[in-house]
Amino acid sequence: VFGQSGAGNNWAKGHYTEGAELVDQVLDVVRREAEGCDCLQGFQITHSLGGGTGAGMGTLLISKIREEFPDRMMATFSVVPSPKVSDTVVEPYNATLSVHQ
């Protein structure tokens, strides 16, 4: 699954616009993989909290998976931005908005 544009280090763009356009396609793939499992126990998701896609679309995807599979375990491995190696000034804001979800 891929799109033609990115979230541009913007949590809202990843959560509400660019990510919202792709999340249904991603959920279709997740559904197909889940149906192919004999005994689905849960999900593991690795994502960044500093950028727009991992933070915005990542939290959107996690909430959609929880809605669709409420009885399955969810483990997330979130990469938190560091002030020492930060690429973008908005990384702390993206991380804060992600954790709030």
C-alpha atoms as a PDB file:
ATOM      1  CA  VAL A   1       0.000   0.000   0.000  1.00  0.00           C
ATOM      2  CA  PHE A   2       1.408   3.384  -0.917  1.00  0.00           C
ATOM      3  CA  GLY A   3       0.333   6.916  -1.682  1.00  0.00           C
ATOM      4  CA  GLN A   4       1.600   9.646  -3.929  1.00  0.00           C
ATOM      5  CA  SER A   5       2.308  12.152  -1.159  1.00  0.00           C
ATOM      6  CA  GLY A   6       3.405  12.238   2.458  1.00  0.00           C
ATOM      7  CA  ALA A   7       2.289  13.915   5.631  1.00  0.00           C
ATOM      8  CA  GLY A   8       5.203  16.368   5.634  1.00  0.00           C
ATOM      9  CA  ASN A   9       6.012  16.079   9.365  1.00  0.00           C
ATOM     10  CA  ASN A  10       2.471  17.235  10.138  1.00  0.00           C
ATOM     11  CA  TRP A  11       0.475  15.094  12.569  1.00  0.00           C
ATOM     12  CA  ALA A  12      -2.903  16.509  11.483  1.00  0.00           C
ATOM     13  CA  LYS A  13      -2.151  15.851   7.820  1.00  0.00           C
ATOM     14  CA  GLY A  14      -1.226  12.252   8.621  1.00  0.00           C
ATOM     15  CA  HIS A  15      -4.257  11.733  10.831  1.00  0.00           C
ATOM     16  CA  TYR A  16      -7.018  13.609   9.006  1.00  0.00           C
ATOM     17  CA  THR A  17      -6.118  14.015   5.322  1.00  0.00           C
ATOM     18  CA  GLU A  18      -3.314  11.968   3.738  1.00  0.00           C
ATOM     19  CA  GLY A  19      -3.554   9.161   6.291  1.00  0.00           C
ATOM     20  CA  ALA A  20      -7.347   9.083   6.220  1.00  0.00           C
ATOM     21  CA  GLU A  21      -7.212   8.471   2.461  1.00  0.00           C
ATOM     22  CA  LEU A  22      -4.935   5.428   2.871  1.00  0.00           C
ATOM     23  CA  VAL A  23      -6.156   3.896   6.114  1.00  0.00           C
ATOM     24  CA  ASP A  24      -8.994   1.899   4.521  1.00  0.00           C
ATOM     25  CA  GLN A  25      -6.593   0.287   2.042  1.00  0.00           C
ATOM     26  CA  VAL A  26      -4.238  -0.587   4.888  1.00  0.00           C
ATOM     27  CA  LEU A  27      -7.126  -2.035   6.915  1.00  0.00           C
ATOM     28  CA  ASP A  28      -8.123  -4.222   3.954  1.00  0.00           C
ATOM     29  CA  VAL A  29      -4.615  -5.699   3.931  1.00  0.00           C
ATOM     30  CA  VAL A  30      -4.708  -6.161   7.721  1.00  0.00           C
ATOM     31  CA  ARG A  31      -8.110  -7.882   7.429  1.00  0.00           C
ATOM     32  CA  ARG A  32      -6.862 -10.278   4.739  1.00  0.00           C
ATOM     33  CA  GLU A  33      -3.792 -11.161   6.798  1.00  0.00           C
ATOM     34  CA  ALA A  34      -5.926 -11.644   9.928  1.00  0.00           C
ATOM     35  CA  GLU A  35      -8.331 -13.935   8.055  1.00  0.00           C
ATOM     36  CA  GLY A  36      -5.382 -16.067   6.964  1.00  0.00           C
ATOM     37  CA  CYS A  37      -4.297 -16.668  10.571  1.00  0.00           C
ATOM     38  CA  ASP A  38      -5.299 -19.834  12.407  1.00  0.00           C
ATOM     39  CA  CYS A  39      -5.163 -18.209  15.826  1.00  0.00           C
ATOM     40  CA  LEU A  40      -4.768 -14.437  15.739  1.00  0.00           C
ATOM     41  CA  GLN A  41      -3.658 -13.236  19.157  1.00  0.00           C
ATOM     42  CA  GLY A  42      -2.918  -9.601  18.482  1.00  0.00           C
ATOM     43  CA  PHE A  43      -0.988  -6.956  16.604  1.00  0.00           C
ATOM     44  CA  GLN A  44       2.474  -5.415  16.901  1.00  0.00           C
ATOM     45  CA  ILE A  45       2.966  -1.973  15.412  1.00  0.00           C
ATOM     46  CA  THR A  46       6.223  -0.043  15.182  1.00  0.00           C
ATOM     47  CA  HIS A  47       5.965   3.636  14.334  1.00  0.00           C
ATOM     48  CA  SER A  48       7.633   6.980  14.908  1.00  0.00           C
ATOM     49  CA  LEU A  49       5.966   9.668  16.974  1.00  0.00           C
ATOM     50  CA  GLY A  50       7.970  12.543  15.519  1.00  0.00           C
ATOM     51  CA  GLY A  51       6.796  12.682  11.914  1.00  0.00           C
ATOM     52  CA  GLY A  52       3.428  13.060  10.279  1.00  0.00           C
ATOM     53  CA  THR A  53       2.873   9.576   8.879  1.00  0.00           C
ATOM     54  CA  GLY A  54       4.012   7.454  11.823  1.00  0.00           C
ATOM     55  CA  ALA A  55       2.484   9.795  14.358  1.00  0.00           C
ATOM     56  CA  GLY A  56      -0.709  10.857  12.577  1.00  0.00           C
ATOM     57  CA  MET A  57      -1.587   7.898  10.404  1.00  0.00           C
ATOM     58  CA  GLY A  58      -0.035   5.503  12.922  1.00  0.00           C
ATOM     59  CA  THR A  59      -2.417   6.550  15.682  1.00  0.00           C
ATOM     60  CA  LEU A  60      -5.343   6.519  13.245  1.00  0.00           C
ATOM     61  CA  LEU A  61      -4.472   2.979  12.149  1.00  0.00           C
ATOM     62  CA  ILE A  62      -4.126   1.799  15.744  1.00  0.00           C
ATOM     63  CA  SER A  63      -7.567   3.171  16.634  1.00  0.00           C
ATOM     64  CA  LYS A  64      -9.155   1.578  13.544  1.00  0.00           C
ATOM     65  CA  ILE A  65      -7.573  -1.805  14.315  1.00  0.00           C
ATOM     66  CA  ARG A  66      -8.831  -1.571  17.901  1.00  0.00           C
ATOM     67  CA  GLU A  67     -12.351  -0.845  16.615  1.00  0.00           C
ATOM     68  CA  GLU A  68     -12.286  -3.793  14.240  1.00  0.00           C
ATOM     69  CA  PHE A  69     -10.515  -6.270  16.546  1.00  0.00           C
ATOM     70  CA  PRO A  70     -11.503  -5.180  20.082  1.00  0.00           C
ATOM     71  CA  ASP A  71     -10.764  -8.591  21.624  1.00  0.00           C
ATOM     72  CA  ARG A  72      -7.178  -8.812  20.304  1.00  0.00           C
ATOM     73  CA  MET A  73      -4.022  -7.624  22.012  1.00  0.00           C
ATOM     74  CA  MET A  74      -2.268  -4.503  20.715  1.00  0.00           C
ATOM     75  CA  ALA A  75       1.446  -3.881  21.318  1.00  0.00           C
ATOM     76  CA  THR A  76       2.976  -0.692  19.961  1.00  0.00           C
ATOM     77  CA  PHE A  77       6.659   0.121  19.766  1.00  0.00           C
ATOM     78  CA  SER A  78       6.827   3.876  19.392  1.00  0.00           C
ATOM     79  CA  VAL A  79      10.017   5.725  18.506  1.00  0.00           C
ATOM     80  CA  VAL A  80      10.031   8.936  20.528  1.00  0.00           C
ATOM     81  CA  PRO A  81      11.862  11.996  19.152  1.00  0.00           C
ATOM     82  CA  SER A  82      15.000  13.146  20.919  1.00  0.00           C
ATOM     83  CA  PRO A  83      15.914  16.815  21.322  1.00  0.00           C
ATOM     84  CA  LYS A  84      19.559  15.951  20.596  1.00  0.00           C
ATOM     85  CA  VAL A  85      18.940  14.403  17.172  1.00  0.00           C
ATOM     86  CA  SER A  86      15.739  16.138  16.128  1.00  0.00           C
ATOM     87  CA  ASP A  87      15.222  16.747  12.418  1.00  0.00           C
ATOM     88  CA  THR A  88      12.237  19.030  12.723  1.00  0.00           C
ATOM     89  CA  VAL A  89      11.076  21.630  15.196  1.00  0.00           C
ATOM     90  CA  VAL A  90       7.522  20.178  15.263  1.00  0.00           C
ATOM     91  CA  GLU A  91       8.527  16.670  16.416  1.00  0.00           C
ATOM     92  CA  PRO A  92       7.591  17.337  20.077  1.00  0.00           C
ATOM     93  CA  TYR A  93       4.149  18.575  18.987  1.00  0.00           C
ATOM     94  CA  ASN A  94       3.584  15.506  16.793  1.00  0.00           C
ATOM     95  CA  ALA A  95       4.614  13.230  19.670  1.00  0.00           C
ATOM     96  CA  THR A  96       2.325  15.021  22.124  1.00  0.00           C
ATOM     97  CA  LEU A  97      -0.652  14.770  19.772  1.00  0.00           C
ATOM     98  CA  SER A  98       0.083  11.066  19.188  1.00  0.00           C
ATOM     99  CA  VAL A  99       0.277  10.204  22.866  1.00  0.00           C
ATOM    100  CA  HIS A 100      -2.968  12.091  23.462  1.00  0.00           C
ATOM    101  CA  GLN A 101      -4.747   9.688  21.089  1.00  0.00           C
END
